Amino acid sequence: LSPAAAMAAGSHAQPQLGGNPQMRVVDANHATLNFASDRLARGAYGNLDAKITFANGARVSALKAVGTHGNDIKYAATVSSSKPLRLHQKYTVTFRLGDSKPVKVFVKLFNPGEHG
């Protein structure tokens, strides 16, 4: 098997979000979004097949796998907002993972090390 085929073999066509996503503040306009899901497939250019959007227009970039949680893969992404992010505020986030239907969830912003 080629490396691309081997990676695709472990991925799901319709991955499901696992557990509750969490956000940790980095600075006034940046945060790290963490979530778990089934393994995401990779696109033609090697990027993960996922689209994450914020209702407030914040941008999401640098999505990468960072570990495992049971049978799920943990992912992290950087969130950048033109407006200051507010601690303990809930943000509406839409996850579209692979070919799954988009899922809207509320994600609360926490300090690093604070348990949510």
C-alpha atoms as a PDB file:
ATOM      1  CA  LEU A   1       0.000   0.000   0.000  1.00  0.00           C
ATOM      2  CA  SER A   2       1.125   3.515  -0.704  1.00  0.00           C
ATOM      3  CA  PRO A   3       1.370   5.879   2.301  1.00  0.00           C
ATOM      4  CA  ALA A   4      -1.735   7.767   1.138  1.00  0.00           C
ATOM      5  CA  ALA A   5      -3.727   4.550   0.818  1.00  0.00           C
ATOM      6  CA  ALA A   6      -2.531   3.381   4.228  1.00  0.00           C
ATOM      7  CA  MET A   7      -3.677   6.649   5.820  1.00  0.00           C
ATOM      8  CA  ALA A   8      -7.020   6.499   4.021  1.00  0.00           C
ATOM      9  CA  ALA A   9      -7.548   2.933   5.213  1.00  0.00           C
ATOM     10  CA  GLY A  10      -7.749   4.097   8.838  1.00  0.00           C
ATOM     11  CA  SER A  11      -9.925   7.152   8.179  1.00  0.00           C
ATOM     12  CA  HIS A  12     -13.711   7.385   8.239  1.00  0.00           C
ATOM     13  CA  ALA A  13     -15.857   8.766   5.400  1.00  0.00           C
ATOM     14  CA  GLN A  14     -18.289  10.242   7.937  1.00  0.00           C
ATOM     15  CA  PRO A  15     -16.290  10.922  11.107  1.00  0.00           C
ATOM     16  CA  GLN A  16     -18.206  11.823  14.260  1.00  0.00           C
ATOM     17  CA  LEU A  17     -17.220  14.464  16.796  1.00  0.00           C
ATOM     18  CA  GLY A  18     -16.250  12.774  20.065  1.00  0.00           C
ATOM     19  CA  GLY A  19     -16.886  14.487  23.393  1.00  0.00           C
ATOM     20  CA  ASN A  20     -16.956  18.230  24.019  1.00  0.00           C
ATOM     21  CA  PRO A  21     -14.552  20.524  22.156  1.00  0.00           C
ATOM     22  CA  GLN A  22     -12.602  22.948  24.365  1.00  0.00           C
ATOM     23  CA  MET A  23     -10.780  26.227  23.791  1.00  0.00           C
ATOM     24  CA  ARG A  24      -7.829  27.609  25.729  1.00  0.00           C
ATOM     25  CA  VAL A  25      -6.813  31.265  25.523  1.00  0.00           C
ATOM     26  CA  VAL A  26      -3.356  32.081  24.098  1.00  0.00           C
ATOM     27  CA  ASP A  27      -3.678  35.885  24.099  1.00  0.00           C
ATOM     28  CA  ALA A  28      -6.426  38.490  23.646  1.00  0.00           C
ATOM     29  CA  ASN A  29      -7.114  37.538  20.004  1.00  0.00           C
ATOM     30  CA  HIS A  30      -5.932  33.909  19.808  1.00  0.00           C
ATOM     31  CA  ALA A  31      -6.946  30.576  21.292  1.00  0.00           C
ATOM     32  CA  THR A  32      -6.299  26.874  20.774  1.00  0.00           C
ATOM     33  CA  LEU A  33      -9.318  24.727  19.888  1.00  0.00           C
ATOM     34  CA  ASN A  34      -9.088  21.060  20.941  1.00  0.00           C
ATOM     35  CA  PHE A  35     -11.484  18.299  19.929  1.00  0.00           C
ATOM     36  CA  ALA A  36     -11.587  14.561  19.328  1.00  0.00           C
ATOM     37  CA  SER A  37     -13.172  12.660  16.456  1.00  0.00           C
ATOM     38  CA  ASP A  38     -12.790   9.583  14.311  1.00  0.00           C
ATOM     39  CA  ARG A  39      -9.678   9.760  12.137  1.00  0.00           C
ATOM     40  CA  LEU A  40     -10.085  12.435   9.453  1.00  0.00           C
ATOM     41  CA  ALA A  41      -9.180  11.683   5.852  1.00  0.00           C
ATOM     42  CA  ARG A  42      -6.612  13.810   4.049  1.00  0.00           C
ATOM     43  CA  GLY A  43      -7.366  15.816   0.929  1.00  0.00           C
ATOM     44  CA  ALA A  44      -5.415  15.908  -2.335  1.00  0.00           C
ATOM     45  CA  TYR A  45      -2.901  18.403  -0.893  1.00  0.00           C
ATOM     46  CA  GLY A  46      -2.411  16.538   2.392  1.00  0.00           C
ATOM     47  CA  ASN A  47      -4.716  18.764   4.447  1.00  0.00           C
ATOM     48  CA  LEU A  48      -7.244  17.257   6.851  1.00  0.00           C
ATOM     49  CA  ASP A  49     -10.793  16.969   5.468  1.00  0.00           C
ATOM     50  CA  ALA A  50     -12.545  19.277   7.943  1.00  0.00           C
ATOM     51  CA  LYS A  51     -14.040  22.752   7.984  1.00  0.00           C
ATOM     52  CA  ILE A  52     -14.480  24.586  11.275  1.00  0.00           C
ATOM     53  CA  THR A  53     -16.287  27.927  11.346  1.00  0.00           C
ATOM     54  CA  PHE A  54     -17.087  30.385  14.138  1.00  0.00           C
ATOM     55  CA  ALA A  55     -20.311  32.408  14.231  1.00  0.00           C
ATOM     56  CA  ASN A  56     -18.321  35.528  15.199  1.00  0.00           C
ATOM     57  CA  GLY A  57     -16.146  35.238  12.075  1.00  0.00           C
ATOM     58  CA  ALA A  58     -12.969  34.056  13.825  1.00  0.00           C
ATOM     59  CA  ARG A  59     -10.569  32.178  11.550  1.00  0.00           C
ATOM     60  CA  VAL A  60      -9.418  28.638  12.215  1.00  0.00           C
ATOM     61  CA  SER A  61      -6.025  27.492  10.934  1.00  0.00           C
ATOM     62  CA  ALA A  62      -3.254  24.979  11.515  1.00  0.00           C
ATOM     63  CA  LEU A  63      -5.511  21.958  12.169  1.00  0.00           C
ATOM     64  CA  LYS A  64      -3.338  19.001  13.147  1.00  0.00           C
ATOM     65  CA  ALA A  65      -3.546  15.678  14.955  1.00  0.00           C
ATOM     66  CA  VAL A  66      -1.984  15.891  18.424  1.00  0.00           C
ATOM     67  CA  GLY A  67      -2.698  12.520  20.023  1.00  0.00           C
ATOM     68  CA  THR A  68      -5.359   9.961  20.834  1.00  0.00           C
ATOM     69  CA  HIS A  69      -8.243   9.686  23.273  1.00  0.00           C
ATOM     70  CA  GLY A  70      -9.492   6.105  23.419  1.00  0.00           C
ATOM     71  CA  ASN A  71     -10.283   5.136  19.816  1.00  0.00           C
ATOM     72  CA  ASP A  72     -10.568   8.782  18.708  1.00  0.00           C
ATOM     73  CA  ILE A  73      -7.862  11.093  17.420  1.00  0.00           C
ATOM     74  CA  LYS A  74      -7.283  14.406  19.243  1.00  0.00           C
ATOM     75  CA  TYR A  75      -6.948  17.460  17.013  1.00  0.00           C
ATOM     76  CA  ALA A  76      -5.853  21.026  17.740  1.00  0.00           C
ATOM     77  CA  ALA A  77      -6.304  24.200  15.717  1.00  0.00           C
ATOM     78  CA  THR A  78      -5.440  27.867  16.154  1.00  0.00           C
ATOM     79  CA  VAL A  79      -8.332  30.340  16.407  1.00  0.00           C
ATOM     80  CA  SER A  80      -7.679  33.973  15.414  1.00  0.00           C
ATOM     81  CA  SER A  81     -10.255  36.703  16.017  1.00  0.00           C
ATOM     82  CA  SER A  82     -10.177  40.352  14.969  1.00  0.00           C
ATOM     83  CA  LYS A  83     -12.164  41.143  18.145  1.00  0.00           C
ATOM     84  CA  PRO A  84     -10.806  40.294  21.600  1.00  0.00           C
ATOM     85  CA  LEU A  85     -11.876  36.849  22.830  1.00  0.00           C
ATOM     86  CA  ARG A  86     -13.653  36.888  26.186  1.00  0.00           C
ATOM     87  CA  LEU A  87     -12.741  34.401  28.907  1.00  0.00           C
ATOM     88  CA  HIS A  88     -15.575  31.995  29.905  1.00  0.00           C
ATOM     89  CA  GLN A  89     -17.649  33.158  26.903  1.00  0.00           C
ATOM     90  CA  LYS A  90     -19.404  30.454  24.858  1.00  0.00           C
ATOM     91  CA  TYR A  91     -18.823  30.600  21.098  1.00  0.00           C
ATOM     92  CA  THR A  92     -20.947  28.899  18.437  1.00  0.00           C
ATOM     93  CA  VAL A  93     -18.705  26.636  16.362  1.00  0.00           C
ATOM     94  CA  THR A  94     -19.747  24.576  13.338  1.00  0.00           C
ATOM     95  CA  PHE A  95     -17.763  21.414  12.616  1.00  0.00           C
ATOM     96  CA  ARG A  96     -17.959  19.741   9.197  1.00  0.00           C
ATOM     97  CA  LEU A  97     -15.786  16.631   9.422  1.00  0.00           C
ATOM     98  CA  GLY A  98     -15.310  14.641   6.221  1.00  0.00           C
ATOM     99  CA  ASP A  99     -18.644  13.897   4.534  1.00  0.00           C
ATOM    100  CA  SER A 100     -20.620  14.185   7.792  1.00  0.00           C
ATOM    101  CA  LYS A 101     -23.388  16.735   8.195  1.00  0.00           C
ATOM    102  CA  PRO A 102     -22.279  19.970   9.899  1.00  0.00           C
ATOM    103  CA  VAL A 103     -22.647  19.965  13.694  1.00  0.00           C
ATOM    104  CA  LYS A 104     -23.100  23.192  15.701  1.00  0.00           C
ATOM    105  CA  VAL A 105     -21.832  23.217  19.278  1.00  0.00           C
ATOM    106  CA  PHE A 106     -21.136  25.820  21.965  1.00  0.00           C
ATOM    107  CA  VAL A 107     -17.476  25.925  22.970  1.00  0.00           C
ATOM    108  CA  LYS A 108     -16.408  27.779  26.114  1.00  0.00           C
ATOM    109  CA  LEU A 109     -13.094  29.660  26.324  1.00  0.00           C
ATOM    110  CA  PHE A 110     -10.924  28.742  29.325  1.00  0.00           C
ATOM    111  CA  ASN A 111      -7.534  29.759  30.730  1.00  0.00           C
ATOM    112  CA  PRO A 112      -4.677  27.293  30.144  1.00  0.00           C
ATOM    113  CA  GLY A 113      -4.767  24.642  32.859  1.00  0.00           C
ATOM    114  CA  GLU A 114      -8.329  25.523  33.857  1.00  0.00           C
ATOM    115  CA  HIS A 115     -10.659  22.537  33.705  1.00  0.00           C
ATOM    116  CA  GLY A 116     -13.876  22.900  31.743  1.00  0.00           C
END
